[in-house]
C-alpha atoms as a PDB file:
ATOM      1  CA  MET A   1      66.061 -29.452 -14.386  1.00  0.00           C
ATOM      2  CA  ASP A   2      65.582 -26.077 -12.632  1.00  0.00           C
ATOM      3  CA  CYS A   3      62.887 -25.260 -10.005  1.00  0.00           C
ATOM      4  CA  ASP A   4      60.667 -23.244 -12.330  1.00  0.00           C
ATOM      5  CA  THR A   5      60.441 -26.018 -14.925  1.00  0.00           C
ATOM      6  CA  ALA A   6      59.867 -28.623 -12.212  1.00  0.00           C
ATOM      7  CA  ARG A   7      57.063 -26.665 -10.553  1.00  0.00           C
ATOM      8  CA  ALA A   8      55.357 -26.028 -13.914  1.00  0.00           C
ATOM      9  CA  ALA A   9      55.425 -29.733 -14.599  1.00  0.00           C
ATOM     10  CA  LEU A  10      54.175 -30.536 -11.051  1.00  0.00           C
ATOM     11  CA  SER A  11      51.275 -28.092 -11.543  1.00  0.00           C
ATOM     12  CA  ALA A  12      50.313 -29.814 -14.810  1.00  0.00           C
ATOM     13  CA  ILE A  13      50.421 -33.198 -13.081  1.00  0.00           C
ATOM     14  CA  LEU A  14      48.160 -31.909 -10.275  1.00  0.00           C
ATOM     15  CA  ASP A  15      45.747 -30.688 -12.969  1.00  0.00           C
ATOM     16  CA  GLY A  16      45.562 -34.201 -14.397  1.00  0.00           C
ATOM     17  CA  GLU A  17      47.932 -33.670 -17.256  1.00  0.00           C
ATOM     18  CA  THR A  18      50.893 -35.879 -18.061  1.00  0.00           C
ATOM     19  CA  PRO A  19      54.484 -34.811 -18.822  1.00  0.00           C
ATOM     20  CA  GLY A  20      55.671 -34.713 -22.376  1.00  0.00           C
ATOM     21  CA  ASP A  21      57.622 -37.974 -22.125  1.00  0.00           C
ATOM     22  CA  GLN A  22      58.919 -40.509 -19.620  1.00  0.00           C
ATOM     23  CA  HIS A  23      62.278 -38.771 -19.370  1.00  0.00           C
ATOM     24  CA  GLU A  24      60.684 -35.496 -18.235  1.00  0.00           C
ATOM     25  CA  GLY A  25      58.601 -37.319 -15.634  1.00  0.00           C
ATOM     26  CA  ASP A  26      61.698 -39.004 -14.220  1.00  0.00           C
ATOM     27  CA  ALA A  27      63.552 -35.744 -14.160  1.00  0.00           C
ATOM     28  CA  VAL A  28      60.768 -34.069 -12.168  1.00  0.00           C
ATOM     29  CA  HIS A  29      60.744 -36.980  -9.716  1.00  0.00           C
ATOM     30  CA  GLU A  30      64.516 -36.813  -9.259  1.00  0.00           C
ATOM     31  CA  HIS A  31      64.344 -33.075  -8.790  1.00  0.00           C
ATOM     32  CA  LEU A  32      61.842 -33.458  -5.903  1.00  0.00           C
ATOM     33  CA  LEU A  33      64.182 -35.891  -4.189  1.00  0.00           C
ATOM     34  CA  THR A  34      67.085 -33.443  -4.304  1.00  0.00           C
ATOM     35  CA  CYS A  35      65.279 -30.038  -3.873  1.00  0.00           C
ATOM     36  CA  PRO A  36      63.667 -29.389  -0.477  1.00  0.00           C
ATOM     37  CA  GLY A  37      62.074 -26.132  -1.727  1.00  0.00           C
ATOM     38  CA  CYS A  38      60.231 -27.865  -4.573  1.00  0.00           C
ATOM     39  CA  ALA A  39      59.292 -30.760  -2.275  1.00  0.00           C
ATOM     40  CA  ALA A  40      57.729 -28.328   0.193  1.00  0.00           C
ATOM     41  CA  TRP A  41      55.998 -26.476  -2.652  1.00  0.00           C
ATOM     42  CA  HIS A  42      54.587 -29.780  -3.930  1.00  0.00           C
ATOM     43  CA  ALA A  43      53.298 -30.781  -0.484  1.00  0.00           C
ATOM     44  CA  ARG A  44      51.572 -27.408  -0.048  1.00  0.00           C
ATOM     45  CA  ALA A  45      49.987 -27.684  -3.478  1.00  0.00           C
ATOM     46  CA  LEU A  46      48.634 -31.127  -2.591  1.00  0.00           C
ATOM     47  CA  GLU A  47      47.107 -29.735   0.654  1.00  0.00           C
ATOM     48  CA  LEU A  48      45.450 -26.883  -1.213  1.00  0.00           C
ATOM     49  CA  ARG A  49      44.029 -29.255  -3.841  1.00  0.00           C
ATOM     50  CA  GLU A  50      42.541 -31.514  -1.139  1.00  0.00           C
ATOM     51  CA  ALA A  51      41.025 -28.507   0.665  1.00  0.00           C
ATOM     52  CA  ALA A  52      39.481 -27.239  -2.572  1.00  0.00           C
ATOM     53  CA  LEU A  53      38.018 -30.627  -3.362  1.00  0.00           C
ATOM     54  CA  ALA A  54      36.556 -30.966   0.139  1.00  0.00           C
ATOM     55  CA  SER A  55      34.954 -27.508   0.019  1.00  0.00           C
ATOM     56  CA  SER A  56      33.426 -28.150  -3.415  1.00  0.00           C
ATOM     57  CA  ALA A  57      31.935 -31.417  -2.216  1.00  0.00           C
ATOM     58  CA  THR A  58      30.028 -29.712   0.604  1.00  0.00           C
ATOM     59  CA  GLU A  59      26.410 -28.740  -0.310  1.00  0.00           C
ATOM     60  CA  PRO A  60      25.627 -25.021   0.013  1.00  0.00           C
ATOM     61  CA  PRO A  61      23.012 -24.118   2.604  1.00  0.00           C
ATOM     62  CA  ASP A  62      19.372 -23.922   1.393  1.00  0.00           C
ATOM     63  CA  LEU A  63      18.329 -20.271   1.753  1.00  0.00           C
ATOM     64  CA  THR A  64      14.995 -20.643  -0.003  1.00  0.00           C
ATOM     65  CA  GLU A  65      12.835 -20.501   3.113  1.00  0.00           C
ATOM     66  CA  ARG A  66      14.781 -17.627   4.595  1.00  0.00           C
ATOM     67  CA  VAL A  67      14.459 -15.579   1.416  1.00  0.00           C
ATOM     68  CA  LEU A  68      10.747 -16.330   1.094  1.00  0.00           C
ATOM     69  CA  SER A  69      10.205 -15.463   4.774  1.00  0.00           C
ATOM     70  CA  ALA A  70      11.968 -12.087   4.261  1.00  0.00           C
ATOM     71  CA  VAL A  71       9.790 -11.387   1.197  1.00  0.00           C
ATOM     72  CA  ARG A  72       6.611 -12.237   3.123  1.00  0.00           C
ATOM     73  CA  GLU A  73       7.692 -10.090   6.073  1.00  0.00           C
ATOM     74  CA  ASP A  74       8.388  -7.150   3.767  1.00  0.00           C
ATOM     75  CA  GLY A  75       4.969  -7.610   2.133  1.00  0.00           C
ATOM     76  CA  ARG A  76       3.280  -7.649   5.553  1.00  0.00           C
ATOM     77  CA  ARG A  77       5.083  -4.418   6.515  1.00  0.00           C
ATOM     78  CA  GLN A  78       3.924  -2.721   3.339  1.00  0.00           C
ATOM     79  CA  GLU A  79       0.348  -3.868   3.963  1.00  0.00           C
ATOM     80  CA  VAL A  80       0.413  -2.569   7.532  1.00  0.00           C
ATOM     81  CA  TYR A  81       1.806   0.769   6.369  1.00  0.00           C
ATOM     82  CA  ALA A  82      -0.847   1.094   3.616  1.00  0.00           C
ATOM     83  CA  GLU A  83      -3.608   0.108   6.061  1.00  0.00           C
ATOM     84  CA  SER A  84      -2.427   2.671   8.632  1.00  0.00           C
ATOM     85  CA  LEU A  85      -2.527   5.434   5.991  1.00  0.00           C
ATOM     86  CA  LEU A  86      -5.991   4.364   4.901  1.00  0.00           C
ATOM     87  CA  ALA A  87      -7.206   4.217   8.519  1.00  0.00           C
ATOM     88  CA  GLY A  88      -5.931   7.770   9.149  1.00  0.00           C
ATOM     89  CA  ARG A  89      -7.616   9.053   6.009  1.00  0.00           C
ATOM     90  CA  ARG A  90     -10.859   7.237   6.952  1.00  0.00           C
ATOM     91  CA  ARG A  91     -10.806   8.761  10.461  1.00  0.00           C
ATOM     92  CA  ILE A  92     -10.433  12.301   9.056  1.00  0.00           C
ATOM     93  CA  LEU A  93     -13.254  11.772   6.571  1.00  0.00           C
ATOM     94  CA  ARG A  94     -15.563  10.336   9.282  1.00  0.00           C
ATOM     95  CA  ILE A  95     -14.940  13.398  11.448  1.00  0.00           C
ATOM     96  CA  ALA A  96     -15.570  15.771   8.498  1.00  0.00           C
ATOM     97  CA  VAL A  97     -18.826  13.987   7.528  1.00  0.00           C
ATOM     98  CA  GLY A  98     -19.978  13.988  11.187  1.00  0.00           C
ATOM     99  CA  VAL A  99     -19.204  17.693  11.636  1.00  0.00           C
ATOM    100  CA  ALA A 100     -21.119  18.541   8.452  1.00  0.00           C
ATOM    101  CA  ALA A 101     -24.125  16.534   9.663  1.00  0.00           C
ATOM    102  CA  VAL A 102     -24.095  18.221  13.074  1.00  0.00           C
ATOM    103  CA  VAL A 103     -23.952  21.668  11.457  1.00  0.00           C
ATOM    104  CA  GLN A 104     -26.848  20.735   9.179  1.00  0.00           C
ATOM    105  CA  LEU A 105     -28.878  19.544  12.168  1.00  0.00           C
ATOM    106  CA  ALA A 106     -28.110  22.711  14.093  1.00  0.00           C
ATOM    107  CA  LEU A 107     -29.477  24.768  11.205  1.00  0.00           C
ATOM    108  CA  ALA A 108     -32.498  22.590  10.416  1.00  0.00           C
ATOM    109  CA  VAL A 109     -33.918  21.873  13.876  1.00  0.00           C
ATOM    110  CA  PRO A 110     -34.686  25.543  14.691  1.00  0.00           C
ATOM    111  CA  ALA A 111     -36.327  26.017  11.304  1.00  0.00           C
ATOM    112  CA  LEU A 112     -38.532  23.009  12.017  1.00  0.00           C
ATOM    113  CA  LEU A 113     -39.637  24.199  15.487  1.00  0.00           C
ATOM    114  CA  THR A 114     -39.983  27.928  14.935  1.00  0.00           C
ATOM    115  CA  ALA A 115     -41.005  30.332  12.195  1.00  0.00           C
ATOM    116  CA  THR A 116     -40.229  33.702  13.777  1.00  0.00           C
ATOM    117  CA  GLY A 117     -41.101  36.749  11.676  1.00  0.00           C
ATOM    118  CA  ILE A 118     -42.963  34.787   8.951  1.00  0.00           C
ATOM    119  CA  THR A 119     -46.673  35.576   8.549  1.00  0.00           C
ATOM    120  CA  ASP A 120     -47.310  33.586   5.361  1.00  0.00           C
ATOM    121  CA  PHE A 121     -48.464  30.170   6.568  1.00  0.00           C
ATOM    122  CA  GLN A 122     -47.647  28.573   3.202  1.00  0.00           C
ATOM    123  CA  VAL A 123     -44.054  29.756   3.525  1.00  0.00           C
ATOM    124  CA  VAL A 124     -43.916  28.414   7.094  1.00  0.00           C
ATOM    125  CA  HIS A 125     -45.212  25.043   5.934  1.00  0.00           C
ATOM    126  CA  THR A 126     -42.700  24.873   3.092  1.00  0.00           C
ATOM    127  CA  SER A 127     -39.861  25.910   5.425  1.00  0.00           C
ATOM    128  CA  ARG A 128     -40.775  23.161   7.897  1.00  0.00           C
ATOM    129  CA  GLU A 129     -40.934  20.568   5.165  1.00  0.00           C
ATOM    130  CA  MET A 130     -37.485  21.585   3.923  1.00  0.00           C
ATOM    131  CA  ALA A 131     -36.206  21.457   7.503  1.00  0.00           C
ATOM    132  CA  SER A 132     -37.592  17.944   7.870  1.00  0.00           C
ATOM    133  CA  PHE A 133     -35.798  16.922   4.702  1.00  0.00           C
ATOM    134  CA  ASP A 134     -32.547  18.504   5.898  1.00  0.00           C
ATOM    135  CA  ILE A 135     -32.817  16.655   9.220  1.00  0.00           C
ATOM    136  CA  ALA A 136     -33.362  13.340   7.431  1.00  0.00           C
ATOM    137  CA  VAL A 137     -30.282  13.954   5.268  1.00  0.00           C
ATOM    138  CA  ALA A 138     -28.214  14.978   8.262  1.00  0.00           C
ATOM    139  CA  VAL A 139     -29.207  11.779  10.110  1.00  0.00           C
ATOM    140  CA  GLY A 140     -28.078   9.796   7.078  1.00  0.00           C
ATOM    141  CA  PHE A 141     -24.728  11.580   7.164  1.00  0.00           C
ATOM    142  CA  LEU A 142     -24.362  10.846  10.853  1.00  0.00           C
ATOM    143  CA  LEU A 143     -25.076   7.185  10.266  1.00  0.00           C
ATOM    144  CA  ALA A 144     -22.439   7.126   7.490  1.00  0.00           C
ATOM    145  CA  ALA A 145     -19.928   8.729   9.864  1.00  0.00           C
ATOM    146  CA  LEU A 146     -20.702   6.136  12.552  1.00  0.00           C
ATOM    147  CA  ARG A 147     -20.832   3.176  10.107  1.00  0.00           C
ATOM    148  CA  PRO A 148     -18.458   3.977   7.244  1.00  0.00           C
ATOM    149  CA  GLU A 149     -19.123   0.626   5.523  1.00  0.00           C
ATOM    150  CA  ARG A 150     -22.646   1.987   4.771  1.00  0.00           C
ATOM    151  CA  ALA A 151     -21.510   5.301   3.396  1.00  0.00           C
ATOM    152  CA  LYS A 152     -21.555   4.055  -0.197  1.00  0.00           C
ATOM    153  CA  ALA A 153     -25.310   3.483   0.002  1.00  0.00           C
ATOM    154  CA  PHE A 154     -25.924   7.204   0.733  1.00  0.00           C
ATOM    155  CA  VAL A 155     -23.685   8.473  -2.077  1.00  0.00           C
ATOM    156  CA  PRO A 156     -26.402   8.409  -4.863  1.00  0.00           C
ATOM    157  CA  VAL A 157     -28.801  10.403  -2.631  1.00  0.00           C
ATOM    158  CA  ALA A 158     -26.164  12.987  -1.763  1.00  0.00           C
ATOM    159  CA  VAL A 159     -25.031  13.388  -5.373  1.00  0.00           C
ATOM    160  CA  VAL A 160     -28.602  13.751  -6.740  1.00  0.00           C
ATOM    161  CA  LEU A 161     -29.377  16.249  -3.991  1.00  0.00           C
ATOM    162  CA  ALA A 162     -26.278  18.330  -4.779  1.00  0.00           C
ATOM    163  CA  VAL A 163     -26.954  18.296  -8.536  1.00  0.00           C
ATOM    164  CA  CYS A 164     -30.634  19.284  -8.085  1.00  0.00           C
ATOM    165  CA  LEU A 165     -29.724  22.112  -5.715  1.00  0.00           C
ATOM    166  CA  LEU A 166     -27.066  23.457  -8.064  1.00  0.00           C
ATOM    167  CA  PHE A 167     -29.490  23.248 -11.018  1.00  0.00           C
ATOM    168  CA  SER A 168     -32.368  24.993  -9.195  1.00  0.00           C
ATOM    169  CA  SER A 169     -30.054  27.643  -7.766  1.00  0.00           C
ATOM    170  CA  SER A 170     -28.605  28.382 -11.156  1.00  0.00           C
ATOM    171  CA  LEU A 171     -32.143  28.824 -12.602  1.00  0.00           C
ATOM    172  CA  ASP A 172     -33.174  31.130  -9.736  1.00  0.00           C
ATOM    173  CA  VAL A 173     -30.037  33.256 -10.117  1.00  0.00           C
ATOM    174  CA  ALA A 174     -30.389  33.410 -13.913  1.00  0.00           C
ATOM    175  CA  GLN A 175     -34.041  34.533 -13.609  1.00  0.00           C
ATOM    176  CA  GLY A 176     -33.192  37.163 -10.992  1.00  0.00           C
ATOM    177  CA  MET A 177     -35.250  35.450  -8.302  1.00  0.00           C
ATOM    178  CA  ARG A 178     -32.267  35.023  -5.972  1.00  0.00           C
ATOM    179  CA  ALA A 179     -28.861  36.623  -5.561  1.00  0.00           C
ATOM    180  CA  LEU A 180     -25.738  34.558  -6.103  1.00  0.00           C
ATOM    181  CA  ALA A 181     -24.631  35.245  -2.521  1.00  0.00           C
ATOM    182  CA  ASP A 182     -27.853  33.766  -1.181  1.00  0.00           C
ATOM    183  CA  GLU A 183     -27.244  30.464  -3.005  1.00  0.00           C
ATOM    184  CA  THR A 184     -23.635  29.852  -1.976  1.00  0.00           C
ATOM    185  CA  GLY A 185     -24.895  27.855   1.027  1.00  0.00           C
ATOM    186  CA  HIS A 186     -25.866  25.047  -1.347  1.00  0.00           C
ATOM    187  CA  MET A 187     -22.192  24.463  -1.975  1.00  0.00           C
ATOM    188  CA  VAL A 188     -22.237  22.659   1.370  1.00  0.00           C
ATOM    189  CA  ALA A 189     -24.333  19.929  -0.252  1.00  0.00           C
ATOM    190  CA  CYS A 190     -21.639  19.452  -2.893  1.00  0.00           C
ATOM    191  CA  VAL A 191     -18.938  19.273  -0.247  1.00  0.00           C
ATOM    192  CA  GLN A 192     -20.977  16.740   1.718  1.00  0.00           C
ATOM    193  CA  ALA A 193     -21.485  14.585  -1.355  1.00  0.00           C
ATOM    194  CA  GLY A 194     -17.732  14.648  -2.051  1.00  0.00           C
ATOM    195  CA  LEU A 195     -16.879  13.747   1.517  1.00  0.00           C
ATOM    196  CA  LEU A 196     -19.422  10.910   1.524  1.00  0.00           C
ATOM    197  CA  TRP A 197     -18.034   9.533  -1.740  1.00  0.00           C
ATOM    198  CA  LEU A 198     -14.456   9.593  -0.401  1.00  0.00           C
ATOM    199  CA  LEU A 199     -15.569   7.940   2.811  1.00  0.00           C
ATOM    200  CA  GLY A 200     -17.300   5.175   0.886  1.00  0.00           C
ATOM    201  CA  ARG A 201     -14.066   4.484  -1.044  1.00  0.00           C
ATOM    202  CA  THR A 202     -12.009   4.146   2.119  1.00  0.00           C
ATOM    203  CA  ALA A 203     -14.564   2.247   4.192  1.00  0.00           C
ATOM    204  CA  VAL A 204     -13.703  -1.254   5.318  1.00  0.00           C
ATOM    205  CA  ARG A 205     -16.010  -3.735   3.676  1.00  0.00           C
ATOM    206  CA  PRO A 206     -17.202  -6.700   5.756  1.00  0.00           C
ATOM    207  CA  PRO A 207     -16.063 -10.056   4.383  1.00  0.00           C
ATOM    208  CA  ARG A 208     -18.609 -11.891   2.262  1.00  0.00           C
ATOM    209  CA  PRO A 209     -19.890 -15.175   3.681  1.00  0.00           C
ATOM    210  CA  VAL A 210     -18.423 -18.279   2.100  1.00  0.00           C
ATOM    211  CA  THR A 211     -20.948 -20.134   0.032  1.00  0.00           C
ATOM    212  CA  ALA A 212     -20.828 -23.591  -1.460  1.00  0.00           C
END
């Protein structure tokens, strides 16, 4: 028996197979006794088989908690990133709403206190009433800028005001009572309503109390 045939038979025996007959098994055994190379090959094959069996018997490490922890950490990072973007947008909107309210106050307070150059007392009275209304609206905008969670409550008032001003201005321009350039100032009300609506969408809502 040559070495190649003997090693093929030894490999089959290691895999749990049996030689074709008793004579072949005896021949392989005799060859191992007389061939140092095949004997060393057989010993090495036995060592490798034992190592493979030992490694397959070892339980693999449980990575479930590590994987879940990584997923939770990634989710927290995404939440922090989204919250930081929302906080930056909210800060910009608060500043814009506050600046619009301050400008409106700066224009309304003088009209409330003075009526320079106007001799018609009915016009003065109407101007002061409108100034009072503008001041009230500006204070509402300031409150929304300071307390963004309350901005949503002011949105219907701001939207109705903007729609009514646009409607009345359009009628006055169409009837020739006012020039279009004189009515462009009412666009500020539309801008304020839009800013207030956006601020209400980004405002942090206080948690609801837990009830039974």
